[in-house]
PDB file of N, CA and C in Angstrom:
ATOM      1  N   UNK A   1     101.449  13.158 -18.908  1.00  0.00           N
ATOM      2  CA  UNK A   1     102.213  13.615 -19.067  1.00  0.00           C
ATOM      3  C   UNK A   1     102.970  14.451 -19.970  1.00  0.00           C
ATOM      4  N   UNK A   2     103.104  15.638 -19.792  1.00  0.00           N
ATOM      5  CA  UNK A   2     103.659  16.623 -21.480  1.00  0.00           C
ATOM      6  C   UNK A   2     104.567  15.826 -22.100  1.00  0.00           C
ATOM      7  N   UNK A   3     104.552  15.978 -23.679  1.00  0.00           N
ATOM      8  CA  UNK A   3     105.570  16.064 -23.654  1.00  0.00           C
ATOM      9  C   UNK A   3     107.275  16.903 -23.606  1.00  0.00           C
ATOM     10  N   UNK A   4     108.046  16.293 -23.726  1.00  0.00           N
ATOM     11  CA  UNK A   4     109.429  16.711 -23.266  1.00  0.00           C
ATOM     12  C   UNK A   4     110.383  16.834 -24.471  1.00  0.00           C
ATOM     13  N   UNK A   5     110.822  17.985 -24.399  1.00  0.00           N
ATOM     14  CA  UNK A   5     112.174  18.517 -25.696  1.00  0.00           C
ATOM     15  C   UNK A   5     113.464  17.454 -25.712  1.00  0.00           C
ATOM     16  N   UNK A   6     113.756  16.705 -27.167  1.00  0.00           N
ATOM     17  CA  UNK A   6     114.536  15.812 -27.056  1.00  0.00           C
ATOM     18  C   UNK A   6     116.168  16.331 -26.702  1.00  0.00           C
ATOM     19  N   UNK A   7     116.406  17.632 -27.372  1.00  0.00           N
ATOM     20  CA  UNK A   7     117.620  17.882 -26.724  1.00  0.00           C
ATOM     21  C   UNK A   7     117.588  19.437 -26.681  1.00  0.00           C
ATOM     22  N   UNK A   8     118.786  20.115 -25.954  1.00  0.00           N
ATOM     23  CA  UNK A   8     119.046  21.078 -25.347  1.00  0.00           C
ATOM     24  C   UNK A   8     118.992  22.316 -26.279  1.00  0.00           C
ATOM     25  N   UNK A   9     118.397  23.230 -26.483  1.00  0.00           N
ATOM     26  CA  UNK A   9     118.382  23.685 -27.016  1.00  0.00           C
ATOM     27  C   UNK A   9     119.844  24.974 -26.815  1.00  0.00           C
ATOM     28  N   UNK A  10     120.648  25.386 -27.582  1.00  0.00           N
ATOM     29  CA  UNK A  10     121.589  25.928 -27.801  1.00  0.00           C
ATOM     30  C   UNK A  10     121.872  27.496 -27.304  1.00  0.00           C
ATOM     31  N   UNK A  11     122.640  28.591 -26.757  1.00  0.00           N
ATOM     32  CA  UNK A  11     122.135  29.395 -26.423  1.00  0.00           C
ATOM     33  C   UNK A  11     122.020  30.506 -27.565  1.00  0.00           C
ATOM     34  N   UNK A  12     122.848  29.822 -28.825  1.00  0.00           N
ATOM     35  CA  UNK A  12     122.577  30.603 -30.172  1.00  0.00           C
ATOM     36  C   UNK A  12     121.108  30.881 -30.732  1.00  0.00           C
ATOM     37  N   UNK A  13     120.124  29.661 -30.699  1.00  0.00           N
ATOM     38  CA  UNK A  13     119.181  29.908 -30.575  1.00  0.00           C
ATOM     39  C   UNK A  13     118.061  30.313 -29.771  1.00  0.00           C
ATOM     40  N   UNK A  14     118.488  30.343 -28.826  1.00  0.00           N
ATOM     41  CA  UNK A  14     117.300  30.499 -27.803  1.00  0.00           C
ATOM     42  C   UNK A  14     117.733  32.575 -27.972  1.00  0.00           C
ATOM     43  N   UNK A  15     118.877  32.850 -28.158  1.00  0.00           N
ATOM     44  CA  UNK A  15     119.306  34.132 -27.705  1.00  0.00           C
ATOM     45  C   UNK A  15     118.449  34.936 -29.180  1.00  0.00           C
ATOM     46  N   UNK A  16     118.419  34.174 -30.271  1.00  0.00           N
ATOM     47  CA  UNK A  16     117.882  34.273 -31.283  1.00  0.00           C
ATOM     48  C   UNK A  16     116.213  34.405 -31.384  1.00  0.00           C
ATOM     49  N   UNK A  17     115.651  34.034 -30.722  1.00  0.00           N
ATOM     50  CA  UNK A  17     114.034  33.468 -30.667  1.00  0.00           C
ATOM     51  C   UNK A  17     113.883  34.709 -29.379  1.00  0.00           C
ATOM     52  N   UNK A  18     114.957  35.214 -28.498  1.00  0.00           N
ATOM     53  CA  UNK A  18     114.166  36.255 -27.615  1.00  0.00           C
ATOM     54  C   UNK A  18     115.167  37.853 -27.895  1.00  0.00           C
ATOM     55  N   UNK A  19     115.240  37.989 -29.348  1.00  0.00           N
ATOM     56  CA  UNK A  19     116.181  38.983 -30.327  1.00  0.00           C
ATOM     57  C   UNK A  19     115.258  40.533 -30.403  1.00  0.00           C
ATOM     58  N   UNK A  20     113.680  39.682 -30.148  1.00  0.00           N
ATOM     59  CA  UNK A  20     112.394  40.891 -30.252  1.00  0.00           C
ATOM     60  C   UNK A  20     111.894  41.202 -28.859  1.00  0.00           C
ATOM     61  N   UNK A  21     112.322  41.104 -27.869  1.00  0.00           N
ATOM     62  CA  UNK A  21     111.296  40.899 -26.622  1.00  0.00           C
ATOM     63  C   UNK A  21     112.091  42.194 -26.286  1.00  0.00           C
ATOM     64  N   UNK A  22     113.474  42.771 -26.626  1.00  0.00           N
ATOM     65  CA  UNK A  22     113.874  44.214 -25.433  1.00  0.00           C
ATOM     66  C   UNK A  22     112.592  45.109 -25.401  1.00  0.00           C
ATOM     67  N   UNK A  23     112.609  45.839 -24.276  1.00  0.00           N
ATOM     68  CA  UNK A  23     111.736  47.029 -24.195  1.00  0.00           C
ATOM     69  C   UNK A  23     111.942  48.459 -24.910  1.00  0.00           C
ATOM     70  N   UNK A  24     111.248  48.816 -25.546  1.00  0.00           N
ATOM     71  CA  UNK A  24     112.049  50.412 -26.421  1.00  0.00           C
ATOM     72  C   UNK A  24     111.260  51.266 -25.251  1.00  0.00           C
ATOM     73  N   UNK A  25     111.773  52.550 -25.206  1.00  0.00           N
ATOM     74  CA  UNK A  25     111.447  54.343 -24.469  1.00  0.00           C
ATOM     75  C   UNK A  25     110.536  54.388 -24.677  1.00  0.00           C
ATOM     76  N   UNK A  26     110.247  54.930 -24.550  1.00  0.00           N
ATOM     77  CA  UNK A  26     108.881  55.943 -24.309  1.00  0.00           C
ATOM     78  C   UNK A  26     109.174  56.918 -24.819  1.00  0.00           C
ATOM     79  N   UNK A  27     108.455  57.364 -26.385  1.00  0.00           N
ATOM     80  CA  UNK A  27     108.783  58.412 -27.296  1.00  0.00           C
ATOM     81  C   UNK A  27     107.996  59.782 -26.245  1.00  0.00           C
ATOM     82  N   UNK A  28     108.808  61.192 -25.689  1.00  0.00           N
ATOM     83  CA  UNK A  28     108.158  61.774 -24.851  1.00  0.00           C
ATOM     84  C   UNK A  28     108.361  63.238 -26.264  1.00  0.00           C
ATOM     85  N   UNK A  29     107.114  63.978 -25.737  1.00  0.00           N
ATOM     86  CA  UNK A  29     108.135  64.785 -26.162  1.00  0.00           C
ATOM     87  C   UNK A  29     107.284  66.445 -25.808  1.00  0.00           C
ATOM     88  N   UNK A  30     108.214  67.517 -25.370  1.00  0.00           N
ATOM     89  CA  UNK A  30     108.111  68.930 -24.459  1.00  0.00           C
ATOM     90  C   UNK A  30     106.668  69.534 -24.975  1.00  0.00           C
ATOM     91  N   UNK A  31     106.195  70.121 -23.772  1.00  0.00           N
ATOM     92  CA  UNK A  31     105.271  70.172 -23.798  1.00  0.00           C
ATOM     93  C   UNK A  31     104.898  72.012 -24.088  1.00  0.00           C
ATOM     94  N   UNK A  32     104.621  72.622 -25.010  1.00  0.00           N
ATOM     95  CA  UNK A  32     104.417  74.451 -25.548  1.00  0.00           C
ATOM     96  C   UNK A  32     104.115  74.853 -24.764  1.00  0.00           C
ATOM     97  N   UNK A  33     103.268  74.603 -24.026  1.00  0.00           N
ATOM     98  CA  UNK A  33     103.005  75.968 -23.149  1.00  0.00           C
ATOM     99  C   UNK A  33     104.371  75.917 -21.862  1.00  0.00           C
ATOM    100  N   UNK A  34     103.577  74.671 -20.941  1.00  0.00           N
ATOM    101  CA  UNK A  34     104.584  74.560 -19.880  1.00  0.00           C
ATOM    102  C   UNK A  34     106.070  73.945 -19.787  1.00  0.00           C
ATOM    103  N   UNK A  35     106.518  73.177 -21.182  1.00  0.00           N
ATOM    104  CA  UNK A  35     107.742  72.657 -21.366  1.00  0.00           C
ATOM    105  C   UNK A  35     107.923  71.468 -20.631  1.00  0.00           C
ATOM    106  N   UNK A  36     106.815  70.506 -20.025  1.00  0.00           N
ATOM    107  CA  UNK A  36     107.049  69.327 -19.020  1.00  0.00           C
ATOM    108  C   UNK A  36     106.454  68.454 -20.285  1.00  0.00           C
ATOM    109  N   UNK A  37     107.669  67.451 -20.153  1.00  0.00           N
ATOM    110  CA  UNK A  37     107.450  65.979 -20.965  1.00  0.00           C
ATOM    111  C   UNK A  37     106.175  65.563 -20.707  1.00  0.00           C
ATOM    112  N   UNK A  38     105.849  64.826 -21.692  1.00  0.00           N
ATOM    113  CA  UNK A  38     104.748  64.602 -22.294  1.00  0.00           C
ATOM    114  C   UNK A  38     104.637  63.140 -23.864  1.00  0.00           C
ATOM    115  N   UNK A  39     103.450  62.355 -23.922  1.00  0.00           N
ATOM    116  CA  UNK A  39     103.268  61.373 -24.598  1.00  0.00           C
ATOM    117  C   UNK A  39     102.983  62.206 -26.149  1.00  0.00           C
ATOM    118  N   UNK A  40     103.488  62.110 -27.045  1.00  0.00           N
ATOM    119  CA  UNK A  40     102.552  63.026 -28.407  1.00  0.00           C
ATOM    120  C   UNK A  40     101.334  62.481 -28.612  1.00  0.00           C
ATOM    121  N   UNK A  41     100.578  63.859 -29.287  1.00  0.00           N
ATOM    122  CA  UNK A  41      99.057  63.526 -29.770  1.00  0.00           C
ATOM    123  C   UNK A  41      98.302  62.943 -28.352  1.00  0.00           C
ATOM    124  N   UNK A  42      98.858  63.590 -26.865  1.00  0.00           N
ATOM    125  CA  UNK A  42      98.070  63.807 -25.721  1.00  0.00           C
ATOM    126  C   UNK A  42      98.038  64.550 -25.137  1.00  0.00           C
ATOM    127  N   UNK A  43      97.156  65.058 -24.010  1.00  0.00           N
ATOM    128  CA  UNK A  43      96.504  66.384 -23.417  1.00  0.00           C
ATOM    129  C   UNK A  43      97.855  66.274 -22.224  1.00  0.00           C
ATOM    130  N   UNK A  44      97.728  67.556 -21.810  1.00  0.00           N
ATOM    131  CA  UNK A  44      99.742  67.686 -21.272  1.00  0.00           C
ATOM    132  C   UNK A  44      98.828  67.923 -19.552  1.00  0.00           C
ATOM    133  N   UNK A  45      98.866  66.632 -19.002  1.00  0.00           N
ATOM    134  CA  UNK A  45      98.796  66.574 -17.525  1.00  0.00           C
ATOM    135  C   UNK A  45      99.020  67.375 -16.678  1.00  0.00           C
ATOM    136  N   UNK A  46     100.077  68.023 -16.891  1.00  0.00           N
ATOM    137  CA  UNK A  46     100.527  69.335 -16.247  1.00  0.00           C
ATOM    138  C   UNK A  46      99.955  70.556 -16.183  1.00  0.00           C
ATOM    139  N   UNK A  47      99.307  71.003 -17.594  1.00  0.00           N
ATOM    140  CA  UNK A  47      99.052  72.371 -17.705  1.00  0.00           C
ATOM    141  C   UNK A  47      97.694  72.366 -18.218  1.00  0.00           C
ATOM    142  N   UNK A  48      96.841  70.854 -18.498  1.00  0.00           N
ATOM    143  CA  UNK A  48      96.070  70.972 -19.252  1.00  0.00           C
ATOM    144  C   UNK A  48      95.613  71.239 -21.017  1.00  0.00           C
ATOM    145  N   UNK A  49      97.090  71.800 -21.714  1.00  0.00           N
ATOM    146  CA  UNK A  49      96.862  72.265 -22.662  1.00  0.00           C
ATOM    147  C   UNK A  49      97.252  70.544 -23.531  1.00  0.00           C
ATOM    148  N   UNK A  50      96.684  71.674 -25.072  1.00  0.00           N
ATOM    149  CA  UNK A  50      96.609  70.412 -26.680  1.00  0.00           C
ATOM    150  C   UNK A  50      96.771  71.246 -27.411  1.00  0.00           C
ATOM    151  N   UNK A  51      98.066  71.058 -28.298  1.00  0.00           N
ATOM    152  CA  UNK A  51      97.709  71.736 -29.178  1.00  0.00           C
ATOM    153  C   UNK A  51      97.528  73.511 -29.414  1.00  0.00           C
ATOM    154  N   UNK A  52      98.094  74.269 -28.747  1.00  0.00           N
ATOM    155  CA  UNK A  52      97.965  75.404 -27.896  1.00  0.00           C
ATOM    156  C   UNK A  52      96.906  75.474 -27.550  1.00  0.00           C
ATOM    157  N   UNK A  53      95.828  75.771 -26.392  1.00  0.00           N
ATOM    158  CA  UNK A  53      94.778  75.517 -26.175  1.00  0.00           C
ATOM    159  C   UNK A  53      94.825  74.533 -24.931  1.00  0.00           C
ATOM    160  N   UNK A  54      93.792  75.208 -24.251  1.00  0.00           N
ATOM    161  CA  UNK A  54      93.282  74.333 -22.891  1.00  0.00           C
ATOM    162  C   UNK A  54      92.436  73.846 -23.229  1.00  0.00           C
ATOM    163  N   UNK A  55      92.434  72.522 -22.755  1.00  0.00           N
ATOM    164  CA  UNK A  55      90.889  71.762 -22.761  1.00  0.00           C
ATOM    165  C   UNK A  55      90.621  70.848 -21.317  1.00  0.00           C
ATOM    166  N   UNK A  56      91.559  71.093 -20.671  1.00  0.00           N
ATOM    167  CA  UNK A  56      90.965  70.520 -19.240  1.00  0.00           C
ATOM    168  C   UNK A  56      91.944  71.498 -18.059  1.00  0.00           C
ATOM    169  N   UNK A  57      90.620  72.156 -17.677  1.00  0.00           N
ATOM    170  CA  UNK A  57      91.247  73.061 -16.696  1.00  0.00           C
ATOM    171  C   UNK A  57      91.476  72.296 -15.409  1.00  0.00           C
ATOM    172  N   UNK A  58      93.267  73.011 -14.760  1.00  0.00           N
ATOM    173  CA  UNK A  58      93.514  71.751 -13.930  1.00  0.00           C
ATOM    174  C   UNK A  58      93.545  73.040 -12.366  1.00  0.00           C
ATOM    175  N   UNK A  59      93.548  72.214 -11.570  1.00  0.00           N
ATOM    176  CA  UNK A  59      93.436  73.582 -10.242  1.00  0.00           C
ATOM    177  C   UNK A  59      94.555  73.958 -10.468  1.00  0.00           C
ATOM    178  N   UNK A  60      94.045  75.202  -9.288  1.00  0.00           N
ATOM    179  CA  UNK A  60      95.860  75.971  -8.800  1.00  0.00           C
ATOM    180  C   UNK A  60      96.773  74.814  -8.131  1.00  0.00           C
ATOM    181  N   UNK A  61      95.752  74.106  -7.148  1.00  0.00           N
ATOM    182  CA  UNK A  61      96.638  73.402  -6.372  1.00  0.00           C
ATOM    183  C   UNK A  61      97.824  72.971  -6.628  1.00  0.00           C
ATOM    184  N   UNK A  62      97.200  72.033  -8.105  1.00  0.00           N
ATOM    185  CA  UNK A  62      98.087  70.690  -8.615  1.00  0.00           C
ATOM    186  C   UNK A  62      99.251  71.771  -9.176  1.00  0.00           C
ATOM    187  N   UNK A  63      98.762  72.688 -10.021  1.00  0.00           N
ATOM    188  CA  UNK A  63      99.610  73.485 -10.803  1.00  0.00           C
ATOM    189  C   UNK A  63     101.115  73.757 -10.108  1.00  0.00           C
ATOM    190  N   UNK A  64     100.590  74.679  -8.694  1.00  0.00           N
ATOM    191  CA  UNK A  64     102.002  75.068  -8.203  1.00  0.00           C
ATOM    192  C   UNK A  64     103.087  73.765  -7.530  1.00  0.00           C
ATOM    193  N   UNK A  65     102.203  72.172  -7.518  1.00  0.00           N
ATOM    194  CA  UNK A  65     103.035  71.365  -6.272  1.00  0.00           C
ATOM    195  C   UNK A  65     104.127  71.324  -7.471  1.00  0.00           C
TER     196      UNK A  65
END
């Protein structure tokens, strides 16, 4: 059998341990070409532009949707 705790952990001690477990929101920036939201330092999945130039060719069918 595994060892068991001898005393109940208080709510304060439990909550202090969980203080760093909260999720943080992702940092999004607007694309300079199309204006859609994207992650910083990544190619825009909507238009394929990065730092003012087109690096991925996106199909016309996907752009219109």
